[in-house]
PDB file of N, CA and C in Angstrom:
ATOM      1  N   MET A   1       0.845  -1.189   0.000  1.00  0.00           N
ATOM      2  CA  MET A   1       0.000   0.000   0.000  1.00  0.00           C
ATOM      3  C   MET A   1       0.884   1.243   0.000  1.00  0.00           C
ATOM      4  N   ALA A   2       0.558   2.191  -0.864  1.00  0.00           N
ATOM      5  CA  ALA A   2       1.368   3.408  -0.979  1.00  0.00           C
ATOM      6  C   ALA A   2       1.026   4.357   0.167  1.00  0.00           C
ATOM      7  N   ASN A   3       2.013   5.156   0.544  1.00  0.00           N
ATOM      8  CA  ASN A   3       1.729   6.134   1.588  1.00  0.00           C
ATOM      9  C   ASN A   3       0.911   7.278   0.991  1.00  0.00           C
ATOM     10  N   PRO A   4       0.309   8.109   1.832  1.00  0.00           N
ATOM     11  CA  PRO A   4      -0.570   9.184   1.320  1.00  0.00           C
ATOM     12  C   PRO A   4       0.122  10.126   0.338  1.00  0.00           C
ATOM     13  N   PHE A   5       1.405  10.417   0.553  1.00  0.00           N
ATOM     14  CA  PHE A   5       2.113  11.316  -0.355  1.00  0.00           C
ATOM     15  C   PHE A   5       2.232  10.702  -1.745  1.00  0.00           C
ATOM     16  N   GLU A   6       2.588   9.421  -1.820  1.00  0.00           N
ATOM     17  CA  GLU A   6       2.673   8.736  -3.118  1.00  0.00           C
ATOM     18  C   GLU A   6       1.309   8.664  -3.787  1.00  0.00           C
ATOM     19  N   PHE A   7       0.296   8.401  -2.967  1.00  0.00           N
ATOM     20  CA  PHE A   7      -1.067   8.332  -3.505  1.00  0.00           C
ATOM     21  C   PHE A   7      -1.452   9.656  -4.159  1.00  0.00           C
ATOM     22  N   LEU A   8      -1.203  10.764  -3.493  1.00  0.00           N
ATOM     23  CA  LEU A   8      -1.536  12.073  -4.057  1.00  0.00           C
ATOM     24  C   LEU A   8      -0.747  12.349  -5.333  1.00  0.00           C
ATOM     25  N   GLN A   9       0.504  11.915  -5.370  1.00  0.00           N
ATOM     26  CA  GLN A   9       1.303  12.085  -6.589  1.00  0.00           C
ATOM     27  C   GLN A   9       0.695  11.280  -7.739  1.00  0.00           C
ATOM     28  N   GLN A  10       0.248  10.065  -7.444  1.00  0.00           N
ATOM     29  CA  GLN A  10      -0.371   9.239  -8.474  1.00  0.00           C
ATOM     30  C   GLN A  10      -1.693   9.845  -8.950  1.00  0.00           C
ATOM     31  N   VAL A  11      -2.456  10.367  -8.025  1.00  0.00           N
ATOM     32  CA  VAL A  11      -3.724  11.015  -8.398  1.00  0.00           C
ATOM     33  C   VAL A  11      -3.448  12.206  -9.306  1.00  0.00           C
ATOM     34  N   ARG A  12      -2.476  13.013  -8.943  1.00  0.00           N
ATOM     35  CA  ARG A  12      -2.131  14.186  -9.759  1.00  0.00           C
ATOM     36  C   ARG A  12      -1.650  13.756 -11.142  1.00  0.00           C
ATOM     37  N   SER A  13      -0.861  12.686 -11.188  1.00  0.00           N
ATOM     38  CA  SER A  13      -0.349  12.173 -12.462  1.00  0.00           C
ATOM     39  C   SER A  13      -1.500  11.695 -13.348  1.00  0.00           C
ATOM     40  N   GLU A  14      -2.444  10.970 -12.766  1.00  0.00           N
ATOM     41  CA  GLU A  14      -3.593  10.488 -13.541  1.00  0.00           C
ATOM     42  C   GLU A  14      -4.497  11.634 -13.974  1.00  0.00           C
ATOM     43  N   ALA A  15      -4.635  12.642 -13.133  1.00  0.00           N
ATOM     44  CA  ALA A  15      -5.497  13.783 -13.456  1.00  0.00           C
ATOM     45  C   ALA A  15      -4.967  14.561 -14.661  1.00  0.00           C
ATOM     46  N   THR A  16      -3.643  14.557 -14.839  1.00  0.00           N
ATOM     47  CA  THR A  16      -3.088  15.277 -15.996  1.00  0.00           C
ATOM     48  C   THR A  16      -3.397  14.552 -17.305  1.00  0.00           C
ATOM     49  N   LYS A  17      -3.786  13.269 -17.240  1.00  0.00           N
ATOM     50  CA  LYS A  17      -4.092  12.492 -18.443  1.00  0.00           C
ATOM     51  C   LYS A  17      -5.523  12.686 -18.925  1.00  0.00           C
ATOM     52  N   VAL A  18      -6.350  13.340 -18.111  1.00  0.00           N
ATOM     53  CA  VAL A  18      -7.755  13.531 -18.469  1.00  0.00           C
ATOM     54  C   VAL A  18      -7.846  14.508 -19.641  1.00  0.00           C
ATOM     55  N   VAL A  19      -8.637  14.132 -20.640  1.00  0.00           N
ATOM     56  CA  VAL A  19      -8.846  15.014 -21.797  1.00  0.00           C
ATOM     57  C   VAL A  19     -10.243  15.600 -21.676  1.00  0.00           C
ATOM     58  N   TRP A  20     -10.318  16.894 -21.407  1.00  0.00           N
ATOM     59  CA  TRP A  20     -11.609  17.558 -21.243  1.00  0.00           C
ATOM     60  C   TRP A  20     -12.142  17.971 -22.605  1.00  0.00           C
ATOM     61  N   PRO A  21     -13.464  17.895 -22.805  1.00  0.00           N
ATOM     62  CA  PRO A  21     -14.034  18.325 -24.088  1.00  0.00           C
ATOM     63  C   PRO A  21     -13.940  19.845 -24.230  1.00  0.00           C
ATOM     64  N   SER A  22     -13.895  20.274 -25.477  1.00  0.00           N
ATOM     65  CA  SER A  22     -13.847  21.716 -25.723  1.00  0.00           C
ATOM     66  C   SER A  22     -15.228  22.313 -25.460  1.00  0.00           C
ATOM     67  N   ARG A  23     -15.284  23.616 -25.413  1.00  0.00           N
ATOM     68  CA  ARG A  23     -16.563  24.302 -25.199  1.00  0.00           C
ATOM     69  C   ARG A  23     -17.533  23.959 -26.330  1.00  0.00           C
ATOM     70  N   ARG A  24     -17.036  23.916 -27.552  1.00  0.00           N
ATOM     71  CA  ARG A  24     -17.884  23.596 -28.712  1.00  0.00           C
ATOM     72  C   ARG A  24     -18.443  22.180 -28.606  1.00  0.00           C
ATOM     73  N   GLU A  25     -17.585  21.225 -28.256  1.00  0.00           N
ATOM     74  CA  GLU A  25     -18.043  19.840 -28.103  1.00  0.00           C
ATOM     75  C   GLU A  25     -19.104  19.725 -27.006  1.00  0.00           C
ATOM     76  N   THR A  26     -18.910  20.447 -25.916  1.00  0.00           N
ATOM     77  CA  THR A  26     -19.871  20.426 -24.823  1.00  0.00           C
ATOM     78  C   THR A  26     -21.208  21.001 -25.257  1.00  0.00           C
ATOM     79  N   LEU A  27     -21.185  22.107 -25.985  1.00  0.00           N
ATOM     80  CA  LEU A  27     -22.427  22.729 -26.449  1.00  0.00           C
ATOM     81  C   LEU A  27     -23.158  21.834 -27.455  1.00  0.00           C
ATOM     82  N   ILE A  28     -22.414  21.211 -28.366  1.00  0.00           N
ATOM     83  CA  ILE A  28     -23.032  20.319 -29.355  1.00  0.00           C
ATOM     84  C   ILE A  28     -23.670  19.118 -28.658  1.00  0.00           C
ATOM     85  N   THR A  29     -22.947  18.529 -27.723  1.00  0.00           N
ATOM     86  CA  THR A  29     -23.475  17.372 -26.996  1.00  0.00           C
ATOM     87  C   THR A  29     -24.711  17.758 -26.191  1.00  0.00           C
ATOM     88  N   THR A  30     -24.677  18.898 -25.533  1.00  0.00           N
ATOM     89  CA  THR A  30     -25.825  19.371 -24.761  1.00  0.00           C
ATOM     90  C   THR A  30     -27.021  19.598 -25.669  1.00  0.00           C
ATOM     91  N   GLY A  31     -26.799  20.203 -26.818  1.00  0.00           N
ATOM     92  CA  GLY A  31     -27.882  20.434 -27.773  1.00  0.00           C
ATOM     93  C   GLY A  31     -28.483  19.124 -28.270  1.00  0.00           C
ATOM     94  N   MET A  32     -27.643  18.142 -28.544  1.00  0.00           N
ATOM     95  CA  MET A  32     -28.142  16.845 -29.003  1.00  0.00           C
ATOM     96  C   MET A  32     -28.971  16.159 -27.925  1.00  0.00           C
ATOM     97  N   VAL A  33     -28.530  16.237 -26.688  1.00  0.00           N
ATOM     98  CA  VAL A  33     -29.288  15.637 -25.587  1.00  0.00           C
ATOM     99  C   VAL A  33     -30.647  16.311 -25.458  1.00  0.00           C
ATOM    100  N   LEU A  34     -30.687  17.637 -25.500  1.00  0.00           N
ATOM    101  CA  LEU A  34     -31.957  18.357 -25.393  1.00  0.00           C
ATOM    102  C   LEU A  34     -32.887  18.015 -26.559  1.00  0.00           C
ATOM    103  N   LEU A  35     -32.337  17.899 -27.756  1.00  0.00           N
ATOM    104  CA  LEU A  35     -33.130  17.535 -28.926  1.00  0.00           C
ATOM    105  C   LEU A  35     -33.721  16.136 -28.773  1.00  0.00           C
ATOM    106  N   MET A  36     -32.931  15.201 -28.296  1.00  0.00           N
ATOM    107  CA  MET A  36     -33.426  13.840 -28.076  1.00  0.00           C
ATOM    108  C   MET A  36     -34.499  13.807 -26.995  1.00  0.00           C
ATOM    109  N   VAL A  37     -34.370  14.641 -25.968  1.00  0.00           N
ATOM    110  CA  VAL A  37     -35.390  14.713 -24.914  1.00  0.00           C
ATOM    111  C   VAL A  37     -36.705  15.207 -25.503  1.00  0.00           C
ATOM    112  N   VAL A  38     -36.658  16.215 -26.362  1.00  0.00           N
ATOM    113  CA  VAL A  38     -37.877  16.735 -26.988  1.00  0.00           C
ATOM    114  C   VAL A  38     -38.508  15.667 -27.878  1.00  0.00           C
ATOM    115  N   PHE A  39     -37.708  15.019 -28.721  1.00  0.00           N
ATOM    116  CA  PHE A  39     -38.249  13.974 -29.602  1.00  0.00           C
ATOM    117  C   PHE A  39     -38.861  12.826 -28.806  1.00  0.00           C
ATOM    118  N   THR A  40     -38.174  12.414 -27.742  1.00  0.00           N
ATOM    119  CA  THR A  40     -38.682  11.321 -26.917  1.00  0.00           C
ATOM    120  C   THR A  40     -39.980  11.730 -26.225  1.00  0.00           C
ATOM    121  N   SER A  41     -40.054  12.947 -25.740  1.00  0.00           N
ATOM    122  CA  SER A  41     -41.267  13.431 -25.082  1.00  0.00           C
ATOM    123  C   SER A  41     -42.446  13.451 -26.049  1.00  0.00           C
ATOM    124  N   VAL A  42     -42.224  13.938 -27.251  1.00  0.00           N
ATOM    125  CA  VAL A  42     -43.295  13.984 -28.255  1.00  0.00           C
ATOM    126  C   VAL A  42     -43.716  12.564 -28.624  1.00  0.00           C
ATOM    127  N   PHE A  43     -42.757  11.666 -28.791  1.00  0.00           N
ATOM    128  CA  PHE A  43     -43.077  10.281 -29.126  1.00  0.00           C
ATOM    129  C   PHE A  43     -43.973   9.655 -28.062  1.00  0.00           C
ATOM    130  N   PHE A  44     -43.597   9.785 -26.799  1.00  0.00           N
ATOM    131  CA  PHE A  44     -44.394   9.177 -25.739  1.00  0.00           C
ATOM    132  C   PHE A  44     -45.743   9.867 -25.571  1.00  0.00           C
ATOM    133  N   LEU A  45     -45.830  11.153 -25.856  1.00  0.00           N
ATOM    134  CA  LEU A  45     -47.117  11.847 -25.834  1.00  0.00           C
ATOM    135  C   LEU A  45     -48.048  11.255 -26.886  1.00  0.00           C
ATOM    136  N   VAL A  46     -47.542  11.068 -28.093  1.00  0.00           N
ATOM    137  CA  VAL A  46     -48.352  10.508 -29.180  1.00  0.00           C
ATOM    138  C   VAL A  46     -48.774   9.068 -28.852  1.00  0.00           C
ATOM    139  N   VAL A  47     -47.847   8.258 -28.380  1.00  0.00           N
ATOM    140  CA  VAL A  47     -48.172   6.871 -28.040  1.00  0.00           C
ATOM    141  C   VAL A  47     -49.195   6.828 -26.908  1.00  0.00           C
ATOM    142  N   ASP A  48     -49.034   7.665 -25.905  1.00  0.00           N
ATOM    143  CA  ASP A  48     -49.960   7.691 -24.777  1.00  0.00           C
ATOM    144  C   ASP A  48     -51.365   8.067 -25.237  1.00  0.00           C
ATOM    145  N   GLU A  49     -51.468   9.071 -26.086  1.00  0.00           N
ATOM    146  CA  GLU A  49     -52.782   9.481 -26.585  1.00  0.00           C
ATOM    147  C   GLU A  49     -53.409   8.398 -27.452  1.00  0.00           C
ATOM    148  N   ALA A  50     -52.609   7.742 -28.287  1.00  0.00           N
ATOM    149  CA  ALA A  50     -53.131   6.666 -29.137  1.00  0.00           C
ATOM    150  C   ALA A  50     -53.649   5.515 -28.277  1.00  0.00           C
ATOM    151  N   LEU A  51     -52.909   5.154 -27.252  1.00  0.00           N
ATOM    152  CA  LEU A  51     -53.359   4.082 -26.363  1.00  0.00           C
ATOM    153  C   LEU A  51     -54.610   4.493 -25.591  1.00  0.00           C
ATOM    154  N   ARG A  52     -54.680   5.757 -25.179  1.00  0.00           N
ATOM    155  CA  ARG A  52     -55.875   6.242 -24.473  1.00  0.00           C
ATOM    156  C   ARG A  52     -57.106   6.124 -25.353  1.00  0.00           C
ATOM    157  N   VAL A  53     -56.987   6.523 -26.608  1.00  0.00           N
ATOM    158  CA  VAL A  53     -58.108   6.434 -27.550  1.00  0.00           C
ATOM    159  C   VAL A  53     -58.469   4.972 -27.793  1.00  0.00           C
ATOM    160  N   ALA A  54     -57.483   4.119 -27.984  1.00  0.00           N
ATOM    161  CA  ALA A  54     -57.741   2.706 -28.242  1.00  0.00           C
ATOM    162  C   ALA A  54     -58.448   2.045 -27.060  1.00  0.00           C
ATOM    163  N   VAL A  55     -58.010   2.326 -25.851  1.00  0.00           N
ATOM    164  CA  VAL A  55     -58.638   1.745 -24.667  1.00  0.00           C
ATOM    165  C   VAL A  55     -60.054   2.284 -24.497  1.00  0.00           C
ATOM    166  N   SER A  56     -60.243   3.572 -24.737  1.00  0.00           N
ATOM    167  CA  SER A  56     -61.587   4.163 -24.624  1.00  0.00           C
ATOM    168  C   SER A  56     -62.544   3.518 -25.610  1.00  0.00           C
ATOM    169  N   LEU A  57     -62.093   3.310 -26.836  1.00  0.00           N
ATOM    170  CA  LEU A  57     -62.944   2.661 -27.839  1.00  0.00           C
ATOM    171  C   LEU A  57     -63.211   1.209 -27.472  1.00  0.00           C
ATOM    172  N   ALA A  58     -62.192   0.514 -26.964  1.00  0.00           N
ATOM    173  CA  ALA A  58     -62.344  -0.890 -26.605  1.00  0.00           C
ATOM    174  C   ALA A  58     -63.316  -1.060 -25.437  1.00  0.00           C
ATOM    175  N   LEU A  59     -63.373  -0.108 -24.552  1.00  0.00           N
ATOM    176  CA  LEU A  59     -64.275  -0.203 -23.410  1.00  0.00           C
ATOM    177  C   LEU A  59     -65.659   0.387 -23.695  1.00  0.00           C
ATOM    178  N   GLY A  60     -65.842   0.900 -24.889  1.00  0.00           N
ATOM    179  CA  GLY A  60     -67.123   1.456 -25.259  1.00  0.00           C
ATOM    180  C   GLY A  60     -67.400   2.830 -24.716  1.00  0.00           C
ATOM    181  N   LEU A  61     -66.371   3.493 -24.252  1.00  0.00           N
ATOM    182  CA  LEU A  61     -66.548   4.832 -23.692  1.00  0.00           C
ATOM    183  C   LEU A  61     -66.504   5.907 -24.777  1.00  0.00           C
ATOM    184  N   GLY A  62     -66.134   5.508 -26.000  1.00  0.00           N
ATOM    185  CA  GLY A  62     -66.042   6.474 -27.091  1.00  0.00           C
ATOM    186  C   GLY A  62     -67.339   6.702 -27.825  1.00  0.00           C
ATOM    187  N   ARG A  63     -68.438   6.092 -27.387  1.00  0.00           N
ATOM    188  CA  ARG A  63     -69.737   6.233 -28.081  1.00  0.00           C
ATOM    189  C   ARG A  63     -70.424   7.558 -27.798  1.00  0.00           C
ATOM    190  N   GLY A  64     -70.041   8.209 -26.719  1.00  0.00           N
ATOM    191  CA  GLY A  64     -70.648   9.497 -26.400  1.00  0.00           C
ATOM    192  C   GLY A  64     -71.916   9.394 -25.602  1.00  0.00           C
ATOM    193  N   HIS A  65     -72.339   8.220 -25.203  1.00  0.00           N
ATOM    194  CA  HIS A  65     -73.571   8.082 -24.403  1.00  0.00           C
ATOM    195  C   HIS A  65     -73.214   7.960 -22.968  1.00  0.00           C
TER     196      HIS A  65
END
């Protein structure tokens, strides 16, 4: 087991190897995630409404009486 000083040196050494994304890459990735969230939300809204209509018709609640 390494002593605390060696451990901190190793942590610092490993931290220098981290490659951080650029500002542009971060913005593009964030935009793609937000776009996928919107598409997924719309998809589930449409599916939910279609299932609601199908169940209502199947139970006879869509007759209006």
